[in-house]
Amino acid sequence: MSNRAKISASIHTNVLNLIINSDKPVSTLEICARINRAWHSVQNHCLKLQIEGKITGFKVGNMNLWVKASKK
């Protein structure tokens, strides 16, 4: 696995863990601050996780908020 792939997997895991362990919706900016990564990288990983069905995203004003996906 290349270094870039390892970093990507790390971001993916960190974002998912942070959202799952949060009691309230988490903004992309909050995630960036907590895991020390760029906004664009975090946003892309959140969108990938949403496509995978692991998290749900919604927009409030200008903020993207993320929560753990509910089981149907």
C-alpha atoms as a PDB file:
ATOM      1  CA  MET A   1       0.000   0.000   0.000  1.00  0.00           C
ATOM      2  CA  SER A   2       1.400   3.388  -0.966  1.00  0.00           C
ATOM      3  CA  ASN A   3       1.885   6.207   1.529  1.00  0.00           C
ATOM      4  CA  ARG A   4      -0.966   8.171  -0.069  1.00  0.00           C
ATOM      5  CA  ALA A   5      -3.320   5.196   0.304  1.00  0.00           C
ATOM      6  CA  LYS A   6      -2.331   4.818   3.971  1.00  0.00           C
ATOM      7  CA  ILE A   7      -3.064   8.500   4.646  1.00  0.00           C
ATOM      8  CA  SER A   8      -6.406   8.218   2.857  1.00  0.00           C
ATOM      9  CA  ALA A   9      -7.377   5.145   4.869  1.00  0.00           C
ATOM     10  CA  SER A  10      -6.345   6.929   8.064  1.00  0.00           C
ATOM     11  CA  ILE A  11      -8.514   9.967   7.265  1.00  0.00           C
ATOM     12  CA  HIS A  12     -11.432   7.710   6.338  1.00  0.00           C
ATOM     13  CA  THR A  13     -11.198   5.823   9.646  1.00  0.00           C
ATOM     14  CA  ASN A  14     -10.683   8.945  11.771  1.00  0.00           C
ATOM     15  CA  VAL A  15     -13.646  10.747  10.205  1.00  0.00           C
ATOM     16  CA  LEU A  16     -15.945   7.757  10.660  1.00  0.00           C
ATOM     17  CA  ASN A  17     -14.904   7.194  14.288  1.00  0.00           C
ATOM     18  CA  LEU A  18     -15.330  10.862  15.156  1.00  0.00           C
ATOM     19  CA  ILE A  19     -18.842  11.007  13.682  1.00  0.00           C
ATOM     20  CA  ILE A  20     -19.972   7.703  15.207  1.00  0.00           C
ATOM     21  CA  ASN A  21     -18.730   8.691  18.676  1.00  0.00           C
ATOM     22  CA  SER A  22     -20.364  12.122  18.617  1.00  0.00           C
ATOM     23  CA  ASP A  23     -23.711  12.734  20.334  1.00  0.00           C
ATOM     24  CA  LYS A  24     -24.560  15.678  18.084  1.00  0.00           C
ATOM     25  CA  PRO A  25     -24.088  16.505  14.397  1.00  0.00           C
ATOM     26  CA  VAL A  26     -20.496  17.385  13.520  1.00  0.00           C
ATOM     27  CA  SER A  27     -19.535  19.972  10.900  1.00  0.00           C
ATOM     28  CA  THR A  28     -16.816  19.418   8.346  1.00  0.00           C
ATOM     29  CA  LEU A  29     -14.836  22.250   9.925  1.00  0.00           C
ATOM     30  CA  GLU A  30     -15.031  20.636  13.392  1.00  0.00           C
ATOM     31  CA  ILE A  31     -13.757  17.356  11.963  1.00  0.00           C
ATOM     32  CA  CYS A  32     -10.863  19.188  10.269  1.00  0.00           C
ATOM     33  CA  ALA A  33      -9.846  20.821  13.525  1.00  0.00           C
ATOM     34  CA  ARG A  34      -9.988  17.569  15.492  1.00  0.00           C
ATOM     35  CA  ILE A  35      -8.051  15.368  13.067  1.00  0.00           C
ATOM     36  CA  ASN A  36      -5.797  18.143  11.699  1.00  0.00           C
ATOM     37  CA  ARG A  37      -6.584  17.636   8.009  1.00  0.00           C
ATOM     38  CA  ALA A  38      -7.627  19.955   5.175  1.00  0.00           C
ATOM     39  CA  TRP A  39     -11.310  20.818   4.751  1.00  0.00           C
ATOM     40  CA  HIS A  40     -11.458  19.495   1.188  1.00  0.00           C
ATOM     41  CA  SER A  41      -9.976  16.108   2.150  1.00  0.00           C
ATOM     42  CA  VAL A  42     -12.415  15.710   5.032  1.00  0.00           C
ATOM     43  CA  GLN A  43     -15.371  16.778   2.886  1.00  0.00           C
ATOM     44  CA  ASN A  44     -14.477  14.210   0.200  1.00  0.00           C
ATOM     45  CA  HIS A  45     -14.197  11.427   2.763  1.00  0.00           C
ATOM     46  CA  CYS A  46     -17.523  12.414   4.313  1.00  0.00           C
ATOM     47  CA  LEU A  47     -19.159  12.243   0.897  1.00  0.00           C
ATOM     48  CA  LYS A  48     -17.624   8.804   0.290  1.00  0.00           C
ATOM     49  CA  LEU A  49     -18.896   7.603   3.669  1.00  0.00           C
ATOM     50  CA  GLN A  50     -22.347   8.957   2.819  1.00  0.00           C
ATOM     51  CA  ILE A  51     -22.337   7.018  -0.461  1.00  0.00           C
ATOM     52  CA  GLU A  52     -21.341   3.889   1.490  1.00  0.00           C
ATOM     53  CA  GLY A  53     -24.362   4.467   3.755  1.00  0.00           C
ATOM     54  CA  LYS A  54     -22.314   4.815   6.952  1.00  0.00           C
ATOM     55  CA  ILE A  55     -23.138   8.477   7.656  1.00  0.00           C
ATOM     56  CA  THR A  56     -25.835  10.961   6.719  1.00  0.00           C
ATOM     57  CA  GLY A  57     -25.179  14.557   5.785  1.00  0.00           C
ATOM     58  CA  PHE A  58     -27.364  17.626   5.763  1.00  0.00           C
ATOM     59  CA  LYS A  59     -26.851  21.334   5.261  1.00  0.00           C
ATOM     60  CA  VAL A  60     -27.716  24.099   7.734  1.00  0.00           C
ATOM     61  CA  GLY A  61     -27.053  27.512   6.262  1.00  0.00           C
ATOM     62  CA  ASN A  62     -23.541  27.310   4.872  1.00  0.00           C
ATOM     63  CA  MET A  63     -22.427  24.372   7.044  1.00  0.00           C
ATOM     64  CA  ASN A  64     -22.346  20.704   6.155  1.00  0.00           C
ATOM     65  CA  LEU A  65     -23.269  18.592   9.174  1.00  0.00           C
ATOM     66  CA  TRP A  66     -22.720  14.862   9.526  1.00  0.00           C
ATOM     67  CA  VAL A  67     -24.322  12.209  11.746  1.00  0.00           C
ATOM     68  CA  LYS A  68     -24.181   8.440  12.007  1.00  0.00           C
ATOM     69  CA  ALA A  69     -26.597   6.794   9.554  1.00  0.00           C
ATOM     70  CA  SER A  70     -29.677   5.350  11.177  1.00  0.00           C
ATOM     71  CA  LYS A  71     -30.519   1.694  10.634  1.00  0.00           C
ATOM     72  CA  LYS A  72     -33.677   1.077   8.634  1.00  0.00           C
END
